[in-house]
Amino acid sequence: MSVRRSGLQRDVLALYRRALRMVNTKPPNARPKFLLFVRFAFRTSASNISPRNVSAIEHLLRKGGRQLEMYEDDAVKDCWVSSEMLTWAENWKASSRTPSDSSSVGKVMVKADSGL
């Protein structure tokens, strides 16, 4: 059974899938950094704005599309990962590994990643 999604949701998922495809075009040693960058950008943006704020989501879609075009260039071989991103990744992995975790945030994140 498929889930009905709004046009905006489809646009966000299409941008996320496009970003994940871009990661696979990069050199193998840089892929984990690009993947972390993409996940961090999407998760932090999603947690900072309301799902009802359509104009902000549209703005982030346009901004993300332009940024992704830049990273899709073959000349881009690596990306910088901040200590904040590394800390976020460690916390995210720790929260998604614990099955007794009572917070629904970790469960939603894992569920969202499993479909892509």
PDB file of N, CA and C in Angstrom:
ATOM      1  N   MET A   1       0.843  -1.175   0.000  1.00  0.00           N
ATOM      2  CA  MET A   1       0.000   0.000   0.000  1.00  0.00           C
ATOM      3  C   MET A   1       0.890   1.241   0.000  1.00  0.00           C
ATOM      4  N   SER A   2       0.691   2.092  -0.953  1.00  0.00           N
ATOM      5  CA  SER A   2       1.513   3.290  -1.046  1.00  0.00           C
ATOM      6  C   SER A   2       0.880   4.434  -0.254  1.00  0.00           C
ATOM      7  N   VAL A   3       1.743   5.306   0.208  1.00  0.00           N
ATOM      8  CA  VAL A   3       1.305   6.454   0.981  1.00  0.00           C
ATOM      9  C   VAL A   3       1.099   7.617   0.028  1.00  0.00           C
ATOM     10  N   ARG A   4      -0.013   8.316   0.182  1.00  0.00           N
ATOM     11  CA  ARG A   4      -0.250   9.506  -0.635  1.00  0.00           C
ATOM     12  C   ARG A   4       0.563  10.659  -0.081  1.00  0.00           C
ATOM     13  N   ARG A   5       1.295  11.296  -0.942  1.00  0.00           N
ATOM     14  CA  ARG A   5       2.138  12.410  -0.524  1.00  0.00           C
ATOM     15  C   ARG A   5       1.734  13.668  -1.291  1.00  0.00           C
ATOM     16  N   SER A   6       1.929  14.800  -0.649  1.00  0.00           N
ATOM     17  CA  SER A   6       1.664  16.070  -1.312  1.00  0.00           C
ATOM     18  C   SER A   6       2.764  16.340  -2.331  1.00  0.00           C
ATOM     19  N   GLY A   7       2.553  17.312  -3.178  1.00  0.00           N
ATOM     20  CA  GLY A   7       3.559  17.675  -4.168  1.00  0.00           C
ATOM     21  C   GLY A   7       4.851  18.137  -3.521  1.00  0.00           C
ATOM     22  N   LEU A   8       4.719  18.865  -2.423  1.00  0.00           N
ATOM     23  CA  LEU A   8       5.891  19.351  -1.718  1.00  0.00           C
ATOM     24  C   LEU A   8       6.682  18.194  -1.104  1.00  0.00           C
ATOM     25  N   GLN A   9       5.982  17.228  -0.538  1.00  0.00           N
ATOM     26  CA  GLN A   9       6.662  16.053   0.017  1.00  0.00           C
ATOM     27  C   GLN A   9       7.393  15.284  -1.078  1.00  0.00           C
ATOM     28  N   ARG A  10       6.756  15.142  -2.228  1.00  0.00           N
ATOM     29  CA  ARG A  10       7.411  14.449  -3.346  1.00  0.00           C
ATOM     30  C   ARG A  10       8.650  15.201  -3.804  1.00  0.00           C
ATOM     31  N   ASP A  11       8.568  16.528  -3.810  1.00  0.00           N
ATOM     32  CA  ASP A  11       9.725  17.336  -4.214  1.00  0.00           C
ATOM     33  C   ASP A  11      10.889  17.168  -3.245  1.00  0.00           C
ATOM     34  N   VAL A  12      10.588  17.146  -1.941  1.00  0.00           N
ATOM     35  CA  VAL A  12      11.638  16.980  -0.937  1.00  0.00           C
ATOM     36  C   VAL A  12      12.273  15.601  -1.073  1.00  0.00           C
ATOM     37  N   LEU A  13      11.450  14.572  -1.222  1.00  0.00           N
ATOM     38  CA  LEU A  13      11.986  13.215  -1.378  1.00  0.00           C
ATOM     39  C   LEU A  13      12.787  13.071  -2.665  1.00  0.00           C
ATOM     40  N   ALA A  14      12.345  13.722  -3.728  1.00  0.00           N
ATOM     41  CA  ALA A  14      13.088  13.666  -4.995  1.00  0.00           C
ATOM     42  C   ALA A  14      14.456  14.327  -4.832  1.00  0.00           C
ATOM     43  N   LEU A  15      14.506  15.449  -4.120  1.00  0.00           N
ATOM     44  CA  LEU A  15      15.788  16.118  -3.887  1.00  0.00           C
ATOM     45  C   LEU A  15      16.695  15.241  -3.028  1.00  0.00           C
ATOM     46  N   TYR A  16      16.126  14.584  -2.021  1.00  0.00           N
ATOM     47  CA  TYR A  16      16.914  13.706  -1.146  1.00  0.00           C
ATOM     48  C   TYR A  16      17.464  12.515  -1.940  1.00  0.00           C
ATOM     49  N   ARG A  17      16.627  11.906  -2.776  1.00  0.00           N
ATOM     50  CA  ARG A  17      17.100  10.778  -3.599  1.00  0.00           C
ATOM     51  C   ARG A  17      18.187  11.227  -4.565  1.00  0.00           C
ATOM     52  N   ARG A  18      18.008  12.415  -5.142  1.00  0.00           N
ATOM     53  CA  ARG A  18      19.007  12.957  -6.060  1.00  0.00           C
ATOM     54  C   ARG A  18      20.336  13.183  -5.321  1.00  0.00           C
ATOM     55  N   ALA A  19      20.243  13.664  -4.084  1.00  0.00           N
ATOM     56  CA  ALA A  19      21.452  13.883  -3.283  1.00  0.00           C
ATOM     57  C   ALA A  19      22.137  12.553  -2.963  1.00  0.00           C
ATOM     58  N   LEU A  20      21.340  11.523  -2.659  1.00  0.00           N
ATOM     59  CA  LEU A  20      21.931  10.209  -2.376  1.00  0.00           C
ATOM     60  C   LEU A  20      22.578   9.625  -3.628  1.00  0.00           C
ATOM     61  N   ARG A  21      21.991   9.863  -4.799  1.00  0.00           N
ATOM     62  CA  ARG A  21      22.609   9.409  -6.046  1.00  0.00           C
ATOM     63  C   ARG A  21      23.924  10.142  -6.297  1.00  0.00           C
ATOM     64  N   MET A  22      23.948  11.431  -5.948  1.00  0.00           N
ATOM     65  CA  MET A  22      25.172  12.215  -6.110  1.00  0.00           C
ATOM     66  C   MET A  22      26.288  11.628  -5.256  1.00  0.00           C
ATOM     67  N   VAL A  23      25.957  11.173  -4.055  1.00  0.00           N
ATOM     68  CA  VAL A  23      26.959  10.577  -3.163  1.00  0.00           C
ATOM     69  C   VAL A  23      27.643   9.400  -3.850  1.00  0.00           C
ATOM     70  N   ASN A  24      26.878   8.595  -4.572  1.00  0.00           N
ATOM     71  CA  ASN A  24      27.441   7.416  -5.235  1.00  0.00           C
ATOM     72  C   ASN A  24      28.347   7.748  -6.410  1.00  0.00           C
ATOM     73  N   THR A  25      28.335   8.983  -6.876  1.00  0.00           N
ATOM     74  CA  THR A  25      29.200   9.376  -7.983  1.00  0.00           C
ATOM     75  C   THR A  25      30.562   9.866  -7.490  1.00  0.00           C
ATOM     76  N   LYS A  26      30.703  10.023  -6.193  1.00  0.00           N
ATOM     77  CA  LYS A  26      31.944  10.557  -5.631  1.00  0.00           C
ATOM     78  C   LYS A  26      32.939   9.429  -5.356  1.00  0.00           C
ATOM     79  N   PRO A  27      34.227   9.761  -5.186  1.00  0.00           N
ATOM     80  CA  PRO A  27      35.233   8.733  -4.901  1.00  0.00           C
ATOM     81  C   PRO A  27      34.871   7.954  -3.627  1.00  0.00           C
ATOM     82  N   PRO A  28      35.164   6.660  -3.602  1.00  0.00           N
ATOM     83  CA  PRO A  28      34.769   5.818  -2.463  1.00  0.00           C
ATOM     84  C   PRO A  28      35.248   6.322  -1.100  1.00  0.00           C
ATOM     85  N   ASN A  29      36.435   6.914  -1.041  1.00  0.00           N
ATOM     86  CA  ASN A  29      36.931   7.393   0.253  1.00  0.00           C
ATOM     87  C   ASN A  29      36.221   8.650   0.738  1.00  0.00           C
ATOM     88  N   ALA A  30      35.539   9.376  -0.150  1.00  0.00           N
ATOM     89  CA  ALA A  30      34.829  10.600   0.232  1.00  0.00           C
ATOM     90  C   ALA A  30      33.329  10.363   0.432  1.00  0.00           C
ATOM     91  N   ARG A  31      32.818   9.214   0.027  1.00  0.00           N
ATOM     92  CA  ARG A  31      31.375   8.955   0.119  1.00  0.00           C
ATOM     93  C   ARG A  31      30.810   9.067   1.529  1.00  0.00           C
ATOM     94  N   PRO A  32      31.490   8.521   2.556  1.00  0.00           N
ATOM     95  CA  PRO A  32      30.919   8.669   3.910  1.00  0.00           C
ATOM     96  C   PRO A  32      30.753  10.127   4.327  1.00  0.00           C
ATOM     97  N   LYS A  33      31.684  10.987   3.917  1.00  0.00           N
ATOM     98  CA  LYS A  33      31.572  12.411   4.254  1.00  0.00           C
ATOM     99  C   LYS A  33      30.392  13.050   3.539  1.00  0.00           C
ATOM    100  N   PHE A  34      30.240  12.749   2.256  1.00  0.00           N
ATOM    101  CA  PHE A  34      29.114  13.298   1.501  1.00  0.00           C
ATOM    102  C   PHE A  34      27.786  12.798   2.061  1.00  0.00           C
ATOM    103  N   LEU A  35      27.732  11.521   2.412  1.00  0.00           N
ATOM    104  CA  LEU A  35      26.503  10.954   2.969  1.00  0.00           C
ATOM    105  C   LEU A  35      26.149  11.618   4.295  1.00  0.00           C
ATOM    106  N   LEU A  36      27.128  11.816   5.143  1.00  0.00           N
ATOM    107  CA  LEU A  36      26.896  12.507   6.408  1.00  0.00           C
ATOM    108  C   LEU A  36      26.426  13.934   6.162  1.00  0.00           C
ATOM    109  N   PHE A  37      27.059  14.603   5.216  1.00  0.00           N
ATOM    110  CA  PHE A  37      26.677  15.979   4.885  1.00  0.00           C
ATOM    111  C   PHE A  37      25.215  16.044   4.437  1.00  0.00           C
ATOM    112  N   VAL A  38      24.811  15.135   3.568  1.00  0.00           N
ATOM    113  CA  VAL A  38      23.436  15.127   3.049  1.00  0.00           C
ATOM    114  C   VAL A  38      22.453  14.834   4.174  1.00  0.00           C
ATOM    115  N   ARG A  39      22.706  13.798   4.949  1.00  0.00           N
ATOM    116  CA  ARG A  39      21.800  13.446   6.043  1.00  0.00           C
ATOM    117  C   ARG A  39      21.682  14.575   7.055  1.00  0.00           C
ATOM    118  N   PHE A  40      22.810  15.154   7.428  1.00  0.00           N
ATOM    119  CA  PHE A  40      22.811  16.240   8.402  1.00  0.00           C
ATOM    120  C   PHE A  40      22.012  17.431   7.883  1.00  0.00           C
ATOM    121  N   ALA A  41      22.242  17.796   6.626  1.00  0.00           N
ATOM    122  CA  ALA A  41      21.545  18.950   6.060  1.00  0.00           C
ATOM    123  C   ALA A  41      20.033  18.739   6.052  1.00  0.00           C
ATOM    124  N   PHE A  42      19.594  17.560   5.636  1.00  0.00           N
ATOM    125  CA  PHE A  42      18.160  17.303   5.574  1.00  0.00           C
ATOM    126  C   PHE A  42      17.547  17.193   6.969  1.00  0.00           C
ATOM    127  N   ARG A  43      18.193  16.486   7.871  1.00  0.00           N
ATOM    128  CA  ARG A  43      17.622  16.290   9.214  1.00  0.00           C
ATOM    129  C   ARG A  43      17.546  17.597   9.985  1.00  0.00           C
ATOM    130  N   THR A  44      18.605  18.386   9.956  1.00  0.00           N
ATOM    131  CA  THR A  44      18.591  19.631  10.718  1.00  0.00           C
ATOM    132  C   THR A  44      17.612  20.630  10.113  1.00  0.00           C
ATOM    133  N   SER A  45      17.528  20.672   8.798  1.00  0.00           N
ATOM    134  CA  SER A  45      16.555  21.569   8.171  1.00  0.00           C
ATOM    135  C   SER A  45      15.135  21.144   8.507  1.00  0.00           C
ATOM    136  N   ALA A  46      14.891  19.843   8.492  1.00  0.00           N
ATOM    137  CA  ALA A  46      13.546  19.342   8.785  1.00  0.00           C
ATOM    138  C   ALA A  46      13.154  19.592  10.238  1.00  0.00           C
ATOM    139  N   SER A  47      14.108  19.537  11.124  1.00  0.00           N
ATOM    140  CA  SER A  47      13.772  19.728  12.536  1.00  0.00           C
ATOM    141  C   SER A  47      13.677  21.200  12.916  1.00  0.00           C
ATOM    142  N   ASN A  48      14.188  22.089  12.066  1.00  0.00           N
ATOM    143  CA  ASN A  48      14.189  23.514  12.397  1.00  0.00           C
ATOM    144  C   ASN A  48      12.978  24.279  11.873  1.00  0.00           C
ATOM    145  N   ILE A  49      12.203  23.685  10.975  1.00  0.00           N
ATOM    146  CA  ILE A  49      11.038  24.398  10.448  1.00  0.00           C
ATOM    147  C   ILE A  49       9.780  23.552  10.598  1.00  0.00           C
ATOM    148  N   SER A  50       8.668  24.225  10.595  1.00  0.00           N
ATOM    149  CA  SER A  50       7.384  23.547  10.721  1.00  0.00           C
ATOM    150  C   SER A  50       6.989  22.936   9.380  1.00  0.00           C
ATOM    151  N   PRO A  51       6.369  21.759   9.399  1.00  0.00           N
ATOM    152  CA  PRO A  51       5.915  21.165   8.138  1.00  0.00           C
ATOM    153  C   PRO A  51       4.832  21.999   7.451  1.00  0.00           C
ATOM    154  N   ARG A  52       4.225  22.893   8.174  1.00  0.00           N
ATOM    155  CA  ARG A  52       3.173  23.752   7.599  1.00  0.00           C
ATOM    156  C   ARG A  52       3.716  25.042   6.992  1.00  0.00           C
ATOM    157  N   ASN A  53       4.996  25.299   7.188  1.00  0.00           N
ATOM    158  CA  ASN A  53       5.615  26.509   6.657  1.00  0.00           C
ATOM    159  C   ASN A  53       6.059  26.260   5.217  1.00  0.00           C
ATOM    160  N   VAL A  54       5.112  26.347   4.310  1.00  0.00           N
ATOM    161  CA  VAL A  54       5.340  25.984   2.904  1.00  0.00           C
ATOM    162  C   VAL A  54       6.374  26.886   2.249  1.00  0.00           C
ATOM    163  N   SER A  55       6.318  28.177   2.522  1.00  0.00           N
ATOM    164  CA  SER A  55       7.262  29.087   1.865  1.00  0.00           C
ATOM    165  C   SER A  55       8.706  28.786   2.297  1.00  0.00           C
ATOM    166  N   ALA A  56       8.916  28.442   3.561  1.00  0.00           N
ATOM    167  CA  ALA A  56      10.267  28.104   4.021  1.00  0.00           C
ATOM    168  C   ALA A  56      10.737  26.798   3.384  1.00  0.00           C
ATOM    169  N   ILE A  57       9.842  25.830   3.251  1.00  0.00           N
ATOM    170  CA  ILE A  57      10.205  24.560   2.624  1.00  0.00           C
ATOM    171  C   ILE A  57      10.552  24.776   1.158  1.00  0.00           C
ATOM    172  N   GLU A  58       9.760  25.586   0.468  1.00  0.00           N
ATOM    173  CA  GLU A  58      10.049  25.882  -0.936  1.00  0.00           C
ATOM    174  C   GLU A  58      11.396  26.586  -1.076  1.00  0.00           C
ATOM    175  N   HIS A  59      11.679  27.510  -0.151  1.00  0.00           N
ATOM    176  CA  HIS A  59      12.967  28.214  -0.167  1.00  0.00           C
ATOM    177  C   HIS A  59      14.111  27.211   0.011  1.00  0.00           C
ATOM    178  N   LEU A  60      13.971  26.301   0.985  1.00  0.00           N
ATOM    179  CA  LEU A  60      15.013  25.304   1.222  1.00  0.00           C
ATOM    180  C   LEU A  60      15.169  24.350   0.042  1.00  0.00           C
ATOM    181  N   LEU A  61      14.067  24.042  -0.643  1.00  0.00           N
ATOM    182  CA  LEU A  61      14.151  23.204  -1.846  1.00  0.00           C
ATOM    183  C   LEU A  61      14.971  23.889  -2.934  1.00  0.00           C
ATOM    184  N   ARG A  62      14.695  25.184  -3.153  1.00  0.00           N
ATOM    185  CA  ARG A  62      15.449  25.918  -4.171  1.00  0.00           C
ATOM    186  C   ARG A  62      16.924  26.020  -3.788  1.00  0.00           C
ATOM    187  N   LYS A  63      17.173  26.352  -2.520  1.00  0.00           N
ATOM    188  CA  LYS A  63      18.549  26.477  -2.034  1.00  0.00           C
ATOM    189  C   LYS A  63      19.272  25.131  -2.119  1.00  0.00           C
ATOM    190  N   GLY A  64      18.597  24.065  -1.703  1.00  0.00           N
ATOM    191  CA  GLY A  64      19.195  22.737  -1.757  1.00  0.00           C
ATOM    192  C   GLY A  64      19.462  22.283  -3.176  1.00  0.00           C
ATOM    193  N   GLY A  65      18.559  22.615  -4.087  1.00  0.00           N
ATOM    194  CA  GLY A  65      18.752  22.256  -5.492  1.00  0.00           C
ATOM    195  C   GLY A  65      19.982  22.940  -6.081  1.00  0.00           C
ATOM    196  N   ARG A  66      20.138  24.223  -5.761  1.00  0.00           N
ATOM    197  CA  ARG A  66      21.326  24.947  -6.252  1.00  0.00           C
ATOM    198  C   ARG A  66      22.602  24.376  -5.645  1.00  0.00           C
ATOM    199  N   GLN A  67      22.552  24.069  -4.345  1.00  0.00           N
ATOM    200  CA  GLN A  67      23.732  23.510  -3.683  1.00  0.00           C
ATOM    201  C   GLN A  67      24.065  22.134  -4.254  1.00  0.00           C
ATOM    202  N   LEU A  68      23.045  21.346  -4.511  1.00  0.00           N
ATOM    203  CA  LEU A  68      23.263  20.012  -5.055  1.00  0.00           C
ATOM    204  C   LEU A  68      23.861  20.086  -6.458  1.00  0.00           C
ATOM    205  N   GLU A  69      23.421  21.030  -7.268  1.00  0.00           N
ATOM    206  CA  GLU A  69      24.002  21.204  -8.600  1.00  0.00           C
ATOM    207  C   GLU A  69      25.506  21.456  -8.493  1.00  0.00           C
ATOM    208  N   MET A  70      25.887  22.231  -7.501  1.00  0.00           N
ATOM    209  CA  MET A  70      27.295  22.522  -7.302  1.00  0.00           C
ATOM    210  C   MET A  70      28.051  21.249  -6.911  1.00  0.00           C
ATOM    211  N   TYR A  71      27.491  20.457  -6.001  1.00  0.00           N
ATOM    212  CA  TYR A  71      28.163  19.241  -5.551  1.00  0.00           C
ATOM    213  C   TYR A  71      28.130  18.130  -6.604  1.00  0.00           C
ATOM    214  N   GLU A  72      27.192  18.166  -7.526  1.00  0.00           N
ATOM    215  CA  GLU A  72      27.127  17.150  -8.581  1.00  0.00           C
ATOM    216  C   GLU A  72      28.239  17.311  -9.609  1.00  0.00           C
ATOM    217  N   ASP A  73      28.887  18.452  -9.625  1.00  0.00           N
ATOM    218  CA  ASP A  73      29.972  18.693 -10.570  1.00  0.00           C
ATOM    219  C   ASP A  73      31.082  17.658 -10.351  1.00  0.00           C
ATOM    220  N   ASP A  74      31.604  17.127 -11.436  1.00  0.00           N
ATOM    221  CA  ASP A  74      32.655  16.103 -11.358  1.00  0.00           C
ATOM    222  C   ASP A  74      33.946  16.629 -10.733  1.00  0.00           C
ATOM    223  N   ALA A  75      34.135  17.943 -10.760  1.00  0.00           N
ATOM    224  CA  ALA A  75      35.353  18.520 -10.188  1.00  0.00           C
ATOM    225  C   ALA A  75      35.341  18.472  -8.660  1.00  0.00           C
ATOM    226  N   VAL A  76      34.162  18.339  -8.067  1.00  0.00           N
ATOM    227  CA  VAL A  76      34.055  18.277  -6.607  1.00  0.00           C
ATOM    228  C   VAL A  76      34.331  16.837  -6.185  1.00  0.00           C
ATOM    229  N   LYS A  77      35.433  16.638  -5.467  1.00  0.00           N
ATOM    230  CA  LYS A  77      35.859  15.293  -5.089  1.00  0.00           C
ATOM    231  C   LYS A  77      35.709  15.015  -3.597  1.00  0.00           C
ATOM    232  N   ASP A  78      35.557  16.065  -2.793  1.00  0.00           N
ATOM    233  CA  ASP A  78      35.505  15.882  -1.345  1.00  0.00           C
ATOM    234  C   ASP A  78      34.687  17.017  -0.740  1.00  0.00           C
ATOM    235  N   CYS A  79      34.249  16.819   0.499  1.00  0.00           N
ATOM    236  CA  CYS A  79      33.526  17.876   1.202  1.00  0.00           C
ATOM    237  C   CYS A  79      34.015  17.937   2.642  1.00  0.00           C
ATOM    238  N   TRP A  80      33.799  19.067   3.256  1.00  0.00           N
ATOM    239  CA  TRP A  80      34.240  19.288   4.620  1.00  0.00           C
ATOM    240  C   TRP A  80      33.133  18.880   5.576  1.00  0.00           C
ATOM    241  N   VAL A  81      33.500  18.154   6.629  1.00  0.00           N
ATOM    242  CA  VAL A  81      32.545  17.722   7.636  1.00  0.00           C
ATOM    243  C   VAL A  81      32.942  18.367   8.956  1.00  0.00           C
ATOM    244  N   SER A  82      32.014  19.123   9.546  1.00  0.00           N
ATOM    245  CA  SER A  82      32.312  19.831  10.791  1.00  0.00           C
ATOM    246  C   SER A  82      32.238  18.896  11.989  1.00  0.00           C
ATOM    247  N   SER A  83      32.767  19.353  13.097  1.00  0.00           N
ATOM    248  CA  SER A  83      32.682  18.567  14.336  1.00  0.00           C
ATOM    249  C   SER A  83      31.237  18.452  14.795  1.00  0.00           C
ATOM    250  N   GLU A  84      30.424  19.462  14.494  1.00  0.00           N
ATOM    251  CA  GLU A  84      28.990  19.403  14.828  1.00  0.00           C
ATOM    252  C   GLU A  84      28.307  18.262  14.067  1.00  0.00           C
ATOM    253  N   MET A  85      28.663  18.088  12.810  1.00  0.00           N
ATOM    254  CA  MET A  85      28.104  17.000  12.012  1.00  0.00           C
ATOM    255  C   MET A  85      28.524  15.643  12.570  1.00  0.00           C
ATOM    256  N   LEU A  86      29.781  15.510  12.958  1.00  0.00           N
ATOM    257  CA  LEU A  86      30.274  14.248  13.511  1.00  0.00           C
ATOM    258  C   LEU A  86      29.582  13.922  14.835  1.00  0.00           C
ATOM    259  N   THR A  87      29.403  14.929  15.679  1.00  0.00           N
ATOM    260  CA  THR A  87      28.696  14.731  16.949  1.00  0.00           C
ATOM    261  C   THR A  87      27.260  14.326  16.700  1.00  0.00           C
ATOM    262  N   TRP A  88      26.612  14.989  15.750  1.00  0.00           N
ATOM    263  CA  TRP A  88      25.231  14.662  15.405  1.00  0.00           C
ATOM    264  C   TRP A  88      25.126  13.218  14.924  1.00  0.00           C
ATOM    265  N   ALA A  89      26.080  12.795  14.094  1.00  0.00           N
ATOM    266  CA  ALA A  89      26.061  11.427  13.559  1.00  0.00           C
ATOM    267  C   ALA A  89      26.221  10.398  14.672  1.00  0.00           C
ATOM    268  N   GLU A  90      27.116  10.673  15.606  1.00  0.00           N
ATOM    269  CA  GLU A  90      27.304   9.746  16.725  1.00  0.00           C
ATOM    270  C   GLU A  90      26.039   9.643  17.567  1.00  0.00           C
ATOM    271  N   ASN A  91      25.415  10.776  17.855  1.00  0.00           N
ATOM    272  CA  ASN A  91      24.183  10.772  18.641  1.00  0.00           C
ATOM    273  C   ASN A  91      23.046  10.087  17.895  1.00  0.00           C
ATOM    274  N   TRP A  92      22.974  10.315  16.593  1.00  0.00           N
ATOM    275  CA  TRP A  92      21.912   9.712  15.791  1.00  0.00           C
ATOM    276  C   TRP A  92      22.069   8.194  15.736  1.00  0.00           C
ATOM    277  N   LYS A  93      23.298   7.740  15.549  1.00  0.00           N
ATOM    278  CA  LYS A  93      23.550   6.296  15.505  1.00  0.00           C
ATOM    279  C   LYS A  93      23.236   5.652  16.853  1.00  0.00           C
ATOM    280  N   ALA A  94      23.634   6.324  17.935  1.00  0.00           N
ATOM    281  CA  ALA A  94      23.388   5.773  19.270  1.00  0.00           C
ATOM    282  C   ALA A  94      21.890   5.694  19.553  1.00  0.00           C
ATOM    283  N   SER A  95      21.138   6.701  19.134  1.00  0.00           N
ATOM    284  CA  SER A  95      19.694   6.697  19.401  1.00  0.00           C
ATOM    285  C   SER A  95      18.953   5.707  18.514  1.00  0.00           C
ATOM    286  N   SER A  96      19.474   5.421  17.338  1.00  0.00           N
ATOM    287  CA  SER A  96      18.788   4.480  16.446  1.00  0.00           C
ATOM    288  C   SER A  96      19.140   3.030  16.761  1.00  0.00           C
ATOM    289  N   ARG A  97      20.197   2.785  17.522  1.00  0.00           N
ATOM    290  CA  ARG A  97      20.604   1.426  17.857  1.00  0.00           C
ATOM    291  C   ARG A  97      19.880   0.870  19.068  1.00  0.00           C
ATOM    292  N   THR A  98      19.420   1.730  19.949  1.00  0.00           N
ATOM    293  CA  THR A  98      18.810   1.248  21.185  1.00  0.00           C
ATOM    294  C   THR A  98      17.338   0.940  20.962  1.00  0.00           C
ATOM    295  N   PRO A  99      16.947  -0.337  20.991  1.00  0.00           N
ATOM    296  CA  PRO A  99      15.548  -0.687  20.755  1.00  0.00           C
ATOM    297  C   PRO A  99      14.631  -0.271  21.895  1.00  0.00           C
ATOM    298  N   SER A 100      15.166  -0.077  23.094  1.00  0.00           N
ATOM    299  CA  SER A 100      14.327   0.318  24.218  1.00  0.00           C
ATOM    300  C   SER A 100      14.172   1.823  24.319  1.00  0.00           C
ATOM    301  N   ASP A 101      14.684   2.553  23.336  1.00  0.00           N
ATOM    302  CA  ASP A 101      14.578   4.001  23.335  1.00  0.00           C
ATOM    303  C   ASP A 101      13.116   4.406  23.258  1.00  0.00           C
ATOM    304  N   SER A 102      12.683   5.241  24.178  1.00  0.00           N
ATOM    305  CA  SER A 102      11.273   5.624  24.214  1.00  0.00           C
ATOM    306  C   SER A 102      10.961   6.814  23.330  1.00  0.00           C
ATOM    307  N   SER A 103      11.981   7.496  22.825  1.00  0.00           N
ATOM    308  CA  SER A 103      11.692   8.651  21.986  1.00  0.00           C
ATOM    309  C   SER A 103      11.287   8.192  20.591  1.00  0.00           C
ATOM    310  N   SER A 104      10.291   8.831  20.053  1.00  0.00           N
ATOM    311  CA  SER A 104       9.817   8.455  18.724  1.00  0.00           C
ATOM    312  C   SER A 104      10.653   9.090  17.625  1.00  0.00           C
ATOM    313  N   VAL A 105      11.485  10.072  17.979  1.00  0.00           N
ATOM    314  CA  VAL A 105      12.283  10.756  16.970  1.00  0.00           C
ATOM    315  C   VAL A 105      13.255   9.786  16.315  1.00  0.00           C
ATOM    316  N   GLY A 106      13.987   9.004  17.088  1.00  0.00           N
ATOM    317  CA  GLY A 106      14.934   8.052  16.526  1.00  0.00           C
ATOM    318  C   GLY A 106      14.248   7.018  15.671  1.00  0.00           C
ATOM    319  N   LYS A 107      13.077   6.569  16.088  1.00  0.00           N
ATOM    320  CA  LYS A 107      12.345   5.566  15.333  1.00  0.00           C
ATOM    321  C   LYS A 107      11.857   6.122  14.007  1.00  0.00           C
ATOM    322  N   VAL A 108      11.435   7.375  13.998  1.00  0.00           N
ATOM    323  CA  VAL A 108      10.971   7.994  12.753  1.00  0.00           C
ATOM    324  C   VAL A 108      12.133   8.166  11.797  1.00  0.00           C
ATOM    325  N   MET A 109      13.302   8.576  12.308  1.00  0.00           N
ATOM    326  CA  MET A 109      14.467   8.768  11.447  1.00  0.00           C
ATOM    327  C   MET A 109      14.875   7.445  10.803  1.00  0.00           C
ATOM    328  N   VAL A 110      14.900   6.375  11.574  1.00  0.00           N
ATOM    329  CA  VAL A 110      15.288   5.086  11.025  1.00  0.00           C
ATOM    330  C   VAL A 110      14.278   4.642   9.982  1.00  0.00           C
ATOM    331  N   LYS A 111      13.014   4.846  10.252  1.00  0.00           N
ATOM    332  CA  LYS A 111      11.964   4.459   9.314  1.00  0.00           C
ATOM    333  C   LYS A 111      12.095   5.241   8.024  1.00  0.00           C
ATOM    334  N   ALA A 112      12.400   6.543   8.122  1.00  0.00           N
ATOM    335  CA  ALA A 112      12.542   7.372   6.930  1.00  0.00           C
ATOM    336  C   ALA A 112      13.728   6.924   6.095  1.00  0.00           C
ATOM    337  N   ASP A 113      14.845   6.539   6.729  1.00  0.00           N
ATOM    338  CA  ASP A 113      16.029   6.110   5.981  1.00  0.00           C
ATOM    339  C   ASP A 113      15.836   4.755   5.327  1.00  0.00           C
ATOM    340  N   SER A 114      15.034   3.886   5.925  1.00  0.00           N
ATOM    341  CA  SER A 114      14.911   2.532   5.409  1.00  0.00           C
ATOM    342  C   SER A 114      14.219   2.478   4.048  1.00  0.00           C
ATOM    343  N   GLY A 115      13.427   3.476   3.715  1.00  0.00           N
ATOM    344  CA  GLY A 115      12.699   3.455   2.453  1.00  0.00           C
ATOM    345  C   GLY A 115      13.499   3.961   1.274  1.00  0.00           C
ATOM    346  N   LEU A 116      14.667   4.517   1.505  1.00  0.00           N
ATOM    347  CA  LEU A 116      15.415   5.121   0.404  1.00  0.00           C
ATOM    348  C   LEU A 116      16.558   4.293   0.006  1.00  0.00           C
TER     349      LEU A 116
END
